[in-house]
Amino acid sequence: MEASLIQSETAIYRLDNSPGYVYEAMADHLAGRIAHGELTANMPLPSERRLAEEYGVSLGTARHATRVLRVRGLVVTIRSKGTYIAPDAKAQAQEQLAGSNGASGHA
């Protein structure tokens, strides 16, 4: 699944209709934003409510996507403070994206 930037009053990003879970596509898109430096180390991740609005998904879907990012080691959540991009998230996201595209990094 891919996401595209759209001009709309509600969603900023639109996930395509490929088979699969929306929360995984959303997590993959956010990982891409981290890998490309749009979301940088130690930067707060937008709130789950804000992410839900940006992607035009339910709050539960945004929460699940955030949970996936946490499991992947791309974000850390500090109770009562928020969720932040992990210090080494860019390199990890780039490795994960390369792995999901079939690139192993070996000759």
N, C-alpha and C. Protein backbone atom coordinates (compact mmCIF):
# COMPACT_ATOMS: atom_id res chain seq x y z
N MET A 1 0.84 -1.18 0.00
CA MET A 1 0.00 0.00 0.00
C MET A 1 0.88 1.24 0.00
N GLU A 2 0.46 2.23 -0.71
CA GLU A 2 1.18 3.49 -0.75
C GLU A 2 0.25 4.60 -0.29
N ALA A 3 0.83 5.73 0.03
CA ALA A 3 0.05 6.90 0.40
C ALA A 3 0.43 8.02 -0.54
N SER A 4 -0.52 8.86 -0.83
CA SER A 4 -0.24 10.02 -1.66
C SER A 4 -0.72 11.26 -0.95
N LEU A 5 -0.07 12.36 -1.24
CA LEU A 5 -0.45 13.64 -0.68
C LEU A 5 -1.65 14.15 -1.45
N ILE A 6 -2.69 14.55 -0.71
CA ILE A 6 -3.89 15.08 -1.38
C ILE A 6 -4.26 16.41 -0.77
N GLN A 7 -4.98 17.18 -1.52
CA GLN A 7 -5.51 18.45 -1.03
C GLN A 7 -6.96 18.20 -0.62
N SER A 8 -7.23 18.27 0.64
CA SER A 8 -8.56 17.98 1.15
C SER A 8 -8.76 18.72 2.46
N GLU A 9 -10.00 18.90 2.83
CA GLU A 9 -10.28 19.56 4.09
C GLU A 9 -10.04 18.62 5.26
N THR A 10 -10.05 17.32 5.02
CA THR A 10 -9.88 16.37 6.12
C THR A 10 -8.53 15.67 6.04
N ALA A 11 -8.39 14.65 5.22
CA ALA A 11 -7.16 13.87 5.16
C ALA A 11 -6.10 14.57 4.32
N ILE A 12 -4.87 14.51 4.79
CA ILE A 12 -3.74 15.05 4.05
C ILE A 12 -3.13 13.94 3.19
N TYR A 13 -3.07 12.73 3.75
CA TYR A 13 -2.52 11.58 3.04
C TYR A 13 -3.66 10.60 2.76
N ARG A 14 -3.64 9.99 1.60
CA ARG A 14 -4.63 8.98 1.25
C ARG A 14 -3.89 7.67 0.99
N LEU A 15 -4.24 6.64 1.75
CA LEU A 15 -3.65 5.32 1.55
C LEU A 15 -4.39 4.65 0.42
N ASP A 16 -3.67 3.95 -0.45
CA ASP A 16 -4.34 3.30 -1.57
C ASP A 16 -5.17 2.10 -1.09
N ASN A 17 -5.88 1.49 -1.98
CA ASN A 17 -6.81 0.42 -1.63
C ASN A 17 -6.22 -0.97 -1.84
N SER A 18 -4.91 -1.12 -1.74
CA SER A 18 -4.29 -2.42 -1.89
C SER A 18 -4.74 -3.35 -0.77
N PRO A 19 -4.71 -4.66 -1.03
CA PRO A 19 -5.07 -5.59 0.04
C PRO A 19 -4.09 -5.45 1.21
N GLY A 20 -4.56 -5.66 2.38
CA GLY A 20 -3.72 -5.56 3.57
C GLY A 20 -4.36 -4.67 4.60
N TYR A 21 -3.74 -4.62 5.74
CA TYR A 21 -4.26 -3.84 6.85
C TYR A 21 -3.90 -2.36 6.69
N VAL A 22 -4.85 -1.50 6.94
CA VAL A 22 -4.62 -0.06 6.81
C VAL A 22 -3.57 0.41 7.80
N TYR A 23 -3.60 -0.12 9.03
CA TYR A 23 -2.62 0.32 10.02
C TYR A 23 -1.20 -0.01 9.60
N GLU A 24 -1.00 -1.14 8.89
CA GLU A 24 0.34 -1.49 8.41
C GLU A 24 0.78 -0.53 7.29
N ALA A 25 -0.14 -0.20 6.40
CA ALA A 25 0.18 0.75 5.33
C ALA A 25 0.51 2.12 5.92
N MET A 26 -0.23 2.51 6.94
CA MET A 26 0.01 3.79 7.59
C MET A 26 1.38 3.77 8.29
N ALA A 27 1.68 2.69 8.99
CA ALA A 27 2.99 2.56 9.66
C ALA A 27 4.11 2.58 8.63
N ASP A 28 3.92 1.89 7.50
CA ASP A 28 4.93 1.88 6.44
C ASP A 28 5.15 3.29 5.88
N HIS A 29 4.05 4.03 5.69
CA HIS A 29 4.19 5.39 5.17
C HIS A 29 4.91 6.29 6.17
N LEU A 30 4.57 6.16 7.46
CA LEU A 30 5.26 6.94 8.48
C LEU A 30 6.73 6.56 8.55
N ALA A 31 7.04 5.27 8.40
CA ALA A 31 8.44 4.82 8.37
C ALA A 31 9.17 5.46 7.19
N GLY A 32 8.49 5.57 6.07
CA GLY A 32 9.08 6.24 4.91
C GLY A 32 9.36 7.70 5.19
N ARG A 33 8.45 8.35 5.90
CA ARG A 33 8.67 9.76 6.26
C ARG A 33 9.87 9.90 7.19
N ILE A 34 10.07 8.91 8.07
CA ILE A 34 11.23 8.90 8.96
C ILE A 34 12.49 8.65 8.13
N ALA A 35 12.45 7.66 7.25
CA ALA A 35 13.62 7.31 6.43
C ALA A 35 14.07 8.46 5.55
N HIS A 36 13.12 9.27 5.08
CA HIS A 36 13.46 10.39 4.19
C HIS A 36 13.74 11.69 4.95
N GLY A 37 13.72 11.63 6.29
CA GLY A 37 14.10 12.79 7.09
C GLY A 37 13.00 13.80 7.33
N GLU A 38 11.78 13.50 6.93
CA GLU A 38 10.67 14.43 7.20
C GLU A 38 10.34 14.44 8.70
N LEU A 39 10.42 13.28 9.32
CA LEU A 39 10.26 13.14 10.77
C LEU A 39 11.63 12.76 11.30
N THR A 40 12.21 13.60 12.16
CA THR A 40 13.61 13.43 12.58
C THR A 40 13.73 12.96 14.02
N ALA A 41 14.91 12.45 14.35
CA ALA A 41 15.20 11.93 15.68
C ALA A 41 14.82 12.91 16.78
N ASN A 42 14.22 12.38 17.81
CA ASN A 42 13.80 13.11 19.01
C ASN A 42 12.65 14.09 18.77
N MET A 43 12.14 14.13 17.56
CA MET A 43 10.99 14.99 17.24
C MET A 43 9.72 14.29 17.74
N PRO A 44 8.78 15.05 18.28
CA PRO A 44 7.52 14.41 18.68
C PRO A 44 6.75 13.92 17.44
N LEU A 45 6.24 12.70 17.52
CA LEU A 45 5.34 12.21 16.50
C LEU A 45 4.03 12.94 16.69
N PRO A 46 3.35 13.35 15.64
CA PRO A 46 2.04 13.98 15.84
C PRO A 46 1.14 13.08 16.69
N SER A 47 0.24 13.68 17.41
CA SER A 47 -0.66 12.89 18.27
C SER A 47 -1.44 11.89 17.43
N GLU A 48 -1.90 10.84 18.07
CA GLU A 48 -2.67 9.83 17.36
C GLU A 48 -3.93 10.43 16.76
N ARG A 49 -4.54 11.37 17.44
CA ARG A 49 -5.73 12.04 16.91
C ARG A 49 -5.37 12.82 15.64
N ARG A 50 -4.24 13.51 15.69
CA ARG A 50 -3.79 14.27 14.52
C ARG A 50 -3.45 13.35 13.35
N LEU A 51 -2.77 12.23 13.65
CA LEU A 51 -2.45 11.26 12.61
C LEU A 51 -3.72 10.70 11.98
N ALA A 52 -4.72 10.42 12.82
CA ALA A 52 -5.99 9.91 12.30
C ALA A 52 -6.61 10.91 11.33
N GLU A 53 -6.55 12.18 11.67
CA GLU A 53 -7.08 13.22 10.79
C GLU A 53 -6.26 13.33 9.51
N GLU A 54 -4.93 13.31 9.64
CA GLU A 54 -4.05 13.45 8.47
C GLU A 54 -4.24 12.32 7.46
N TYR A 55 -4.49 11.12 7.97
CA TYR A 55 -4.62 9.96 7.10
C TYR A 55 -6.06 9.57 6.81
N GLY A 56 -7.01 10.25 7.43
CA GLY A 56 -8.42 9.95 7.20
C GLY A 56 -8.82 8.57 7.69
N VAL A 57 -8.26 8.17 8.84
CA VAL A 57 -8.55 6.86 9.42
C VAL A 57 -9.12 7.03 10.82
N SER A 58 -9.55 5.93 11.41
CA SER A 58 -10.08 5.98 12.76
C SER A 58 -8.94 6.16 13.77
N LEU A 59 -9.29 6.60 14.96
CA LEU A 59 -8.31 6.77 16.02
C LEU A 59 -7.67 5.42 16.36
N GLY A 60 -8.47 4.35 16.35
CA GLY A 60 -7.94 3.01 16.63
C GLY A 60 -6.89 2.59 15.62
N THR A 61 -7.11 2.92 14.35
CA THR A 61 -6.13 2.60 13.30
C THR A 61 -4.84 3.37 13.53
N ALA A 62 -4.95 4.64 13.87
CA ALA A 62 -3.77 5.46 14.14
C ALA A 62 -3.01 4.91 15.35
N ARG A 63 -3.75 4.48 16.38
CA ARG A 63 -3.10 3.91 17.57
C ARG A 63 -2.36 2.63 17.21
N HIS A 64 -2.99 1.81 16.39
CA HIS A 64 -2.36 0.55 16.00
C HIS A 64 -1.10 0.83 15.17
N ALA A 65 -1.14 1.79 14.27
CA ALA A 65 0.03 2.15 13.47
C ALA A 65 1.16 2.63 14.37
N THR A 66 0.84 3.42 15.37
CA THR A 66 1.84 3.91 16.31
C THR A 66 2.46 2.74 17.07
N ARG A 67 1.63 1.79 17.46
CA ARG A 67 2.10 0.59 18.15
C ARG A 67 3.07 -0.20 17.25
N VAL A 68 2.75 -0.32 15.97
CA VAL A 68 3.64 -1.02 15.03
C VAL A 68 4.99 -0.31 14.96
N LEU A 69 4.98 1.02 14.88
CA LEU A 69 6.23 1.79 14.85
C LEU A 69 7.05 1.56 16.12
N ARG A 70 6.36 1.46 17.26
CA ARG A 70 7.03 1.23 18.53
C ARG A 70 7.70 -0.16 18.52
N VAL A 71 6.98 -1.17 18.04
CA VAL A 71 7.54 -2.53 17.95
C VAL A 71 8.74 -2.56 17.01
N ARG A 72 8.68 -1.80 15.94
CA ARG A 72 9.79 -1.74 14.98
C ARG A 72 10.98 -0.95 15.51
N GLY A 73 10.82 -0.28 16.65
CA GLY A 73 11.90 0.49 17.24
C GLY A 73 12.07 1.87 16.64
N LEU A 74 11.07 2.35 15.91
CA LEU A 74 11.19 3.65 15.25
C LEU A 74 10.71 4.80 16.12
N VAL A 75 9.90 4.50 17.12
CA VAL A 75 9.43 5.54 18.04
C VAL A 75 9.51 5.02 19.47
N VAL A 76 9.57 5.96 20.40
CA VAL A 76 9.51 5.64 21.83
C VAL A 76 8.40 6.48 22.43
N THR A 77 7.68 5.89 23.37
CA THR A 77 6.60 6.60 24.02
C THR A 77 6.97 6.80 25.48
N ILE A 78 6.83 8.02 25.93
CA ILE A 78 7.09 8.37 27.32
C ILE A 78 5.76 8.75 27.94
N ARG A 79 5.36 8.00 28.95
CA ARG A 79 4.06 8.22 29.59
C ARG A 79 3.91 9.68 30.02
N SER A 80 2.77 10.24 29.73
CA SER A 80 2.39 11.62 30.05
C SER A 80 3.17 12.67 29.27
N LYS A 81 4.05 12.26 28.38
CA LYS A 81 4.83 13.21 27.58
C LYS A 81 4.51 13.11 26.10
N GLY A 82 4.42 11.89 25.58
CA GLY A 82 4.13 11.72 24.18
C GLY A 82 5.00 10.67 23.52
N THR A 83 4.89 10.59 22.21
CA THR A 83 5.64 9.62 21.42
C THR A 83 6.63 10.40 20.56
N TYR A 84 7.88 9.93 20.56
CA TYR A 84 8.97 10.63 19.88
C TYR A 84 9.66 9.70 18.90
N ILE A 85 10.23 10.28 17.86
CA ILE A 85 11.01 9.52 16.91
C ILE A 85 12.28 9.06 17.63
N ALA A 86 12.60 7.77 17.53
CA ALA A 86 13.76 7.22 18.21
C ALA A 86 15.05 7.82 17.65
N PRO A 87 16.10 7.91 18.49
CA PRO A 87 17.35 8.53 18.04
C PRO A 87 17.96 7.89 16.78
N ASP A 88 17.86 6.58 16.64
CA ASP A 88 18.45 5.91 15.47
C ASP A 88 17.38 5.46 14.47
N ALA A 89 16.22 6.09 14.51
CA ALA A 89 15.08 5.67 13.70
C ALA A 89 15.32 5.81 12.20
N LYS A 90 16.03 6.85 11.76
CA LYS A 90 16.22 7.05 10.32
C LYS A 90 16.96 5.87 9.71
N ALA A 91 18.07 5.46 10.32
CA ALA A 91 18.85 4.33 9.80
C ALA A 91 18.03 3.05 9.85
N GLN A 92 17.31 2.85 10.95
CA GLN A 92 16.48 1.64 11.07
C GLN A 92 15.38 1.63 10.02
N ALA A 93 14.74 2.76 9.81
CA ALA A 93 13.66 2.85 8.82
C ALA A 93 14.20 2.59 7.42
N GLN A 94 15.38 3.13 7.12
CA GLN A 94 15.98 2.90 5.81
C GLN A 94 16.29 1.42 5.61
N GLU A 95 16.80 0.75 6.65
CA GLU A 95 17.08 -0.69 6.57
C GLU A 95 15.79 -1.47 6.36
N GLN A 96 14.76 -1.11 7.12
CA GLN A 96 13.49 -1.82 7.01
C GLN A 96 12.86 -1.63 5.63
N LEU A 97 12.94 -0.42 5.10
CA LEU A 97 12.39 -0.16 3.77
C LEU A 97 13.19 -0.94 2.71
N ALA A 98 14.49 -0.96 2.85
CA ALA A 98 15.32 -1.71 1.89
C ALA A 98 14.98 -3.19 1.96
N GLY A 99 14.76 -3.70 3.16
CA GLY A 99 14.40 -5.11 3.32
C GLY A 99 13.04 -5.43 2.75
N SER A 100 12.10 -4.51 2.87
CA SER A 100 10.75 -4.77 2.35
C SER A 100 10.69 -4.64 0.84
N ASN A 101 11.69 -4.00 0.25
CA ASN A 101 11.75 -3.87 -1.22
C ASN A 101 12.57 -4.99 -1.85
N GLY A 102 12.99 -5.97 -1.05
CA GLY A 102 13.73 -7.09 -1.58
C GLY A 102 15.22 -6.86 -1.66
N ALA A 103 15.70 -5.70 -1.24
CA ALA A 103 17.13 -5.42 -1.28
C ALA A 103 17.76 -5.94 0.00
N SER A 104 18.78 -6.74 -0.12
CA SER A 104 19.41 -7.31 1.08
C SER A 104 20.68 -6.59 1.46
N GLY A 105 21.22 -5.80 0.57
CA GLY A 105 22.45 -5.09 0.87
C GLY A 105 23.69 -5.93 0.64
N HIS A 106 23.50 -7.18 0.17
CA HIS A 106 24.63 -8.06 -0.11
C HIS A 106 24.81 -8.19 -1.61
N ALA A 107 26.07 -8.32 -2.03
CA ALA A 107 26.37 -8.46 -3.47
C ALA A 107 26.22 -9.89 -3.92
